[in-house]
N, C-alpha and C. Protein backbone atom coordinates (compact mmCIF):
# COMPACT_ATOMS: atom_id res chain seq x y z
N ILE A 1 60.13 10.96 -22.35
CA ILE A 1 60.93 11.16 -21.15
C ILE A 1 60.95 9.88 -20.32
N TRP A 2 59.80 9.26 -20.17
CA TRP A 2 59.72 8.01 -19.39
C TRP A 2 60.64 6.96 -19.99
N HIS A 3 60.63 6.83 -21.30
CA HIS A 3 61.47 5.83 -21.96
C HIS A 3 62.95 6.08 -21.68
N ALA A 4 63.34 7.32 -21.61
CA ALA A 4 64.76 7.67 -21.43
C ALA A 4 65.24 7.48 -20.01
N LEU A 5 64.39 7.75 -19.04
CA LEU A 5 64.83 7.74 -17.65
C LEU A 5 64.55 6.43 -16.92
N HIS A 6 63.52 5.70 -17.34
CA HIS A 6 63.17 4.47 -16.63
C HIS A 6 64.30 3.44 -16.58
N PRO A 7 65.02 3.19 -17.68
CA PRO A 7 66.10 2.18 -17.63
C PRO A 7 67.36 2.64 -16.91
N LYS A 8 67.46 3.92 -16.56
CA LYS A 8 68.65 4.45 -15.89
C LYS A 8 68.81 3.85 -14.51
N LYS A 9 70.03 3.59 -14.12
CA LYS A 9 70.31 3.03 -12.80
C LYS A 9 70.38 4.12 -11.72
N THR A 10 70.51 5.38 -12.12
CA THR A 10 70.57 6.51 -11.18
C THR A 10 69.42 7.46 -11.48
N ALA A 11 69.23 8.44 -10.60
CA ALA A 11 68.18 9.43 -10.81
C ALA A 11 68.46 10.24 -12.08
N GLY A 12 67.41 10.64 -12.74
CA GLY A 12 67.57 11.40 -13.97
C GLY A 12 67.26 12.87 -13.77
N LEU A 13 67.67 13.66 -14.75
CA LEU A 13 67.46 15.10 -14.72
C LEU A 13 66.72 15.50 -16.00
N ILE A 14 65.71 16.34 -15.84
CA ILE A 14 64.97 16.88 -16.98
C ILE A 14 65.02 18.39 -16.90
N LYS A 15 65.42 19.03 -18.01
CA LYS A 15 65.44 20.49 -18.09
C LYS A 15 64.41 20.92 -19.12
N ILE A 16 63.61 21.91 -18.75
CA ILE A 16 62.62 22.45 -19.67
C ILE A 16 62.82 23.96 -19.74
N SER A 17 62.95 24.47 -20.95
CA SER A 17 63.10 25.91 -21.11
C SER A 17 62.14 26.39 -22.20
N CYS A 18 61.80 27.66 -22.10
CA CYS A 18 60.89 28.28 -23.06
C CYS A 18 61.40 29.68 -23.36
N SER A 19 61.36 30.05 -24.62
CA SER A 19 61.77 31.41 -25.00
C SER A 19 60.95 31.87 -26.20
N LEU A 20 60.95 33.15 -26.40
CA LEU A 20 60.26 33.74 -27.53
C LEU A 20 61.32 34.35 -28.44
N GLN A 21 61.35 33.92 -29.70
CA GLN A 21 62.30 34.44 -30.67
C GLN A 21 61.51 34.92 -31.88
N GLY A 22 61.31 36.23 -31.94
CA GLY A 22 60.49 36.78 -33.02
C GLY A 22 59.05 36.30 -32.87
N LYS A 23 58.57 35.63 -33.89
CA LYS A 23 57.20 35.10 -33.86
C LYS A 23 57.18 33.60 -33.56
N LEU A 24 58.24 33.11 -32.94
CA LEU A 24 58.31 31.69 -32.58
C LEU A 24 58.44 31.50 -31.08
N LEU A 25 57.64 30.61 -30.55
CA LEU A 25 57.75 30.17 -29.18
C LEU A 25 58.60 28.90 -29.22
N ILE A 26 59.72 28.90 -28.50
CA ILE A 26 60.67 27.79 -28.54
C ILE A 26 60.63 27.06 -27.20
N PHE A 27 60.35 25.77 -27.25
CA PHE A 27 60.41 24.91 -26.07
C PHE A 27 61.55 23.94 -26.26
N GLU A 28 62.41 23.80 -25.25
CA GLU A 28 63.46 22.78 -25.28
C GLU A 28 63.30 21.90 -24.06
N ILE A 29 63.26 20.61 -24.30
CA ILE A 29 63.16 19.61 -23.25
C ILE A 29 64.40 18.73 -23.38
N GLU A 30 65.18 18.65 -22.32
CA GLU A 30 66.44 17.89 -22.35
C GLU A 30 66.48 16.94 -21.16
N ASP A 31 66.88 15.70 -21.44
CA ASP A 31 67.04 14.75 -20.34
C ASP A 31 68.45 14.18 -20.37
N ASP A 32 68.85 13.56 -19.27
CA ASP A 32 70.16 12.91 -19.22
C ASP A 32 69.97 11.40 -19.16
N GLY A 33 69.01 10.92 -19.93
CA GLY A 33 68.66 9.51 -19.95
C GLY A 33 69.62 8.66 -20.76
N VAL A 34 69.15 7.46 -21.10
CA VAL A 34 69.98 6.45 -21.76
C VAL A 34 70.14 6.68 -23.26
N GLY A 35 69.35 7.58 -23.82
CA GLY A 35 69.48 7.89 -25.25
C GLY A 35 68.52 7.08 -26.11
N ARG A 36 68.19 7.62 -27.26
CA ARG A 36 67.21 6.99 -28.16
C ARG A 36 67.72 5.69 -28.76
N ASN A 37 69.01 5.60 -29.06
CA ASN A 37 69.54 4.36 -29.64
C ASN A 37 69.43 3.20 -28.66
N PHE A 38 69.66 3.44 -27.37
CA PHE A 38 69.55 2.39 -26.36
C PHE A 38 68.13 1.83 -26.37
N ILE A 39 67.15 2.71 -26.42
CA ILE A 39 65.76 2.27 -26.41
C ILE A 39 65.44 1.49 -27.69
N ARG A 40 65.94 1.94 -28.84
CA ARG A 40 65.72 1.21 -30.10
C ARG A 40 66.33 -0.18 -30.04
N GLU A 41 67.55 -0.26 -29.51
CA GLU A 41 68.26 -1.54 -29.45
C GLU A 41 67.67 -2.48 -28.42
N LYS A 42 67.17 -1.95 -27.34
CA LYS A 42 66.62 -2.76 -26.25
C LYS A 42 65.10 -2.76 -26.31
N GLY A 43 64.55 -3.02 -27.47
CA GLY A 43 63.11 -2.97 -27.66
C GLY A 43 62.33 -3.95 -26.80
N ASN A 44 63.01 -4.83 -26.10
CA ASN A 44 62.31 -5.82 -25.29
C ASN A 44 62.17 -5.40 -23.82
N ILE A 45 62.32 -4.13 -23.51
CA ILE A 45 62.15 -3.66 -22.14
C ILE A 45 60.67 -3.75 -21.80
N PRO A 46 60.31 -4.42 -20.71
CA PRO A 46 58.89 -4.57 -20.37
C PRO A 46 58.20 -3.22 -20.23
N GLY A 47 57.01 -3.13 -20.84
CA GLY A 47 56.23 -1.90 -20.74
C GLY A 47 56.54 -0.86 -21.81
N PHE A 48 57.50 -1.14 -22.69
CA PHE A 48 57.87 -0.17 -23.72
C PHE A 48 57.56 -0.70 -25.10
N LYS A 49 57.06 0.20 -25.94
CA LYS A 49 56.81 -0.13 -27.34
C LYS A 49 57.98 0.38 -28.15
N LYS A 50 58.21 -0.25 -29.29
CA LYS A 50 59.32 0.21 -30.13
C LYS A 50 59.06 1.59 -30.71
N GLU A 51 57.80 1.91 -31.01
CA GLU A 51 57.47 3.22 -31.56
C GLU A 51 56.63 4.00 -30.56
N SER A 52 56.94 5.25 -30.39
CA SER A 52 56.21 6.10 -29.46
C SER A 52 55.06 6.78 -30.18
N LEU A 53 53.85 6.59 -29.69
CA LEU A 53 52.70 7.27 -30.27
C LEU A 53 52.75 8.76 -29.95
N GLY A 54 53.30 9.12 -28.80
CA GLY A 54 53.41 10.52 -28.42
C GLY A 54 54.21 11.32 -29.43
N VAL A 55 55.31 10.75 -29.91
CA VAL A 55 56.14 11.44 -30.90
C VAL A 55 55.37 11.62 -32.20
N LYS A 56 54.69 10.57 -32.65
CA LYS A 56 53.92 10.66 -33.90
C LYS A 56 52.82 11.70 -33.79
N ILE A 57 52.11 11.71 -32.67
CA ILE A 57 51.02 12.67 -32.48
C ILE A 57 51.57 14.09 -32.46
N THR A 58 52.68 14.31 -31.76
CA THR A 58 53.30 15.63 -31.70
C THR A 58 53.72 16.09 -33.09
N GLU A 59 54.36 15.21 -33.85
CA GLU A 59 54.81 15.56 -35.20
C GLU A 59 53.62 15.91 -36.10
N GLU A 60 52.52 15.17 -35.95
CA GLU A 60 51.33 15.47 -36.76
C GLU A 60 50.74 16.84 -36.39
N ARG A 61 50.69 17.15 -35.11
CA ARG A 61 50.15 18.44 -34.67
C ARG A 61 51.05 19.59 -35.13
N ILE A 62 52.34 19.40 -35.05
CA ILE A 62 53.28 20.43 -35.51
C ILE A 62 53.12 20.65 -37.01
N LYS A 63 52.91 19.58 -37.75
CA LYS A 63 52.71 19.69 -39.20
C LYS A 63 51.45 20.50 -39.50
N ILE A 64 50.37 20.26 -38.77
CA ILE A 64 49.13 21.00 -38.96
C ILE A 64 49.34 22.48 -38.63
N LEU A 65 50.03 22.75 -37.52
CA LEU A 65 50.33 24.14 -37.16
C LEU A 65 51.14 24.83 -38.26
N SER A 66 52.11 24.13 -38.78
CA SER A 66 52.99 24.70 -39.80
C SER A 66 52.22 25.00 -41.09
N GLU A 67 51.28 24.12 -41.44
CA GLU A 67 50.50 24.32 -42.66
C GLU A 67 49.50 25.46 -42.53
N SER A 68 49.05 25.75 -41.30
CA SER A 68 48.03 26.77 -41.10
C SER A 68 48.61 28.12 -40.68
N SER A 69 49.92 28.26 -40.70
CA SER A 69 50.56 29.50 -40.28
C SER A 69 51.59 29.93 -41.30
N GLN A 70 51.84 31.23 -41.35
CA GLN A 70 52.89 31.73 -42.24
C GLN A 70 54.27 31.52 -41.63
N THR A 71 54.30 31.27 -40.32
CA THR A 71 55.55 30.99 -39.61
C THR A 71 55.65 29.49 -39.42
N PRO A 72 56.67 28.84 -39.96
CA PRO A 72 56.74 27.38 -39.87
C PRO A 72 57.00 26.88 -38.45
N ALA A 73 56.29 25.83 -38.09
CA ALA A 73 56.50 25.15 -36.81
C ALA A 73 57.43 23.96 -37.06
N GLY A 74 57.99 23.42 -36.00
CA GLY A 74 58.87 22.27 -36.18
C GLY A 74 59.15 21.54 -34.89
N VAL A 75 59.66 20.34 -35.04
CA VAL A 75 60.11 19.54 -33.91
C VAL A 75 61.43 18.89 -34.33
N GLU A 76 62.44 19.01 -33.47
CA GLU A 76 63.76 18.46 -33.77
C GLU A 76 64.23 17.62 -32.58
N PHE A 77 64.88 16.52 -32.87
CA PHE A 77 65.44 15.65 -31.84
C PHE A 77 66.96 15.65 -31.98
N GLU A 78 67.65 15.76 -30.87
CA GLU A 78 69.11 15.74 -30.88
C GLU A 78 69.60 14.75 -29.82
N ASP A 79 70.38 13.79 -30.26
CA ASP A 79 71.00 12.85 -29.32
C ASP A 79 72.20 13.53 -28.69
N LEU A 80 72.32 13.43 -27.38
CA LEU A 80 73.43 14.04 -26.65
C LEU A 80 74.45 12.98 -26.26
N PHE A 81 75.72 13.37 -26.24
CA PHE A 81 76.81 12.45 -25.91
C PHE A 81 77.75 13.11 -24.92
N ASP A 82 78.38 12.29 -24.08
CA ASP A 82 79.35 12.83 -23.13
C ASP A 82 80.72 12.93 -23.80
N SER A 83 81.74 13.30 -23.04
CA SER A 83 83.09 13.51 -23.59
C SER A 83 83.70 12.21 -24.13
N GLY A 84 83.21 11.06 -23.67
CA GLY A 84 83.68 9.78 -24.18
C GLY A 84 82.83 9.25 -25.32
N ASN A 85 81.97 10.11 -25.87
CA ASN A 85 81.07 9.77 -26.98
C ASN A 85 80.05 8.70 -26.61
N LEU A 86 79.70 8.61 -25.33
CA LEU A 86 78.66 7.69 -24.88
C LEU A 86 77.34 8.45 -24.78
N PRO A 87 76.21 7.77 -25.03
CA PRO A 87 74.91 8.44 -24.95
C PRO A 87 74.71 9.14 -23.60
N ALA A 88 74.25 10.39 -23.65
CA ALA A 88 74.07 11.18 -22.44
C ALA A 88 72.71 11.87 -22.41
N GLY A 89 71.76 11.38 -23.21
CA GLY A 89 70.42 11.96 -23.17
C GLY A 89 69.93 12.42 -24.53
N THR A 90 68.84 13.17 -24.47
CA THR A 90 68.18 13.66 -25.68
C THR A 90 67.69 15.08 -25.44
N ARG A 91 67.73 15.88 -26.49
CA ARG A 91 67.16 17.23 -26.46
C ARG A 91 66.10 17.29 -27.55
N VAL A 92 64.92 17.78 -27.18
CA VAL A 92 63.84 17.98 -28.13
C VAL A 92 63.53 19.47 -28.18
N ARG A 93 63.42 19.99 -29.38
CA ARG A 93 63.17 21.42 -29.57
C ARG A 93 61.88 21.56 -30.38
N LEU A 94 60.89 22.21 -29.77
CA LEU A 94 59.62 22.48 -30.45
C LEU A 94 59.57 23.96 -30.79
N THR A 95 59.27 24.28 -32.05
CA THR A 95 59.08 25.67 -32.45
C THR A 95 57.63 25.82 -32.89
N ILE A 96 56.95 26.78 -32.24
CA ILE A 96 55.51 26.97 -32.46
C ILE A 96 55.27 28.43 -32.80
N PRO A 97 54.50 28.70 -33.87
CA PRO A 97 54.18 30.08 -34.21
C PRO A 97 53.46 30.76 -33.04
N PHE A 98 53.81 32.02 -32.80
CA PHE A 98 53.22 32.77 -31.70
C PHE A 98 52.88 34.17 -32.17
N GLU A 99 51.63 34.56 -31.93
CA GLU A 99 51.20 35.91 -32.26
C GLU A 99 50.66 36.55 -31.01
N SER A 100 51.14 37.75 -30.70
CA SER A 100 50.67 38.43 -29.48
C SER A 100 49.43 39.25 -29.74
């Protein structure tokens, strides 16, 4: 989130939602930042690394959850675009097994 909103010239918006679908807990985090491609292309932004350790750690944890459950876990990234096909943010969807 920091990577997406820090380079923006205006205030950013972050939406977080959570829902339960069957045996899956679904988290969606959406921002209206500069987009993942901008960050990849502008790798020389002070204070930013080209690769995010947070993403790698999250993917590893989701993989462990998925291997230890009968219900598969997952993480998906979606680049968002405006009507002019310009980057308009990112949506991340986490699916986590949930047992009540």
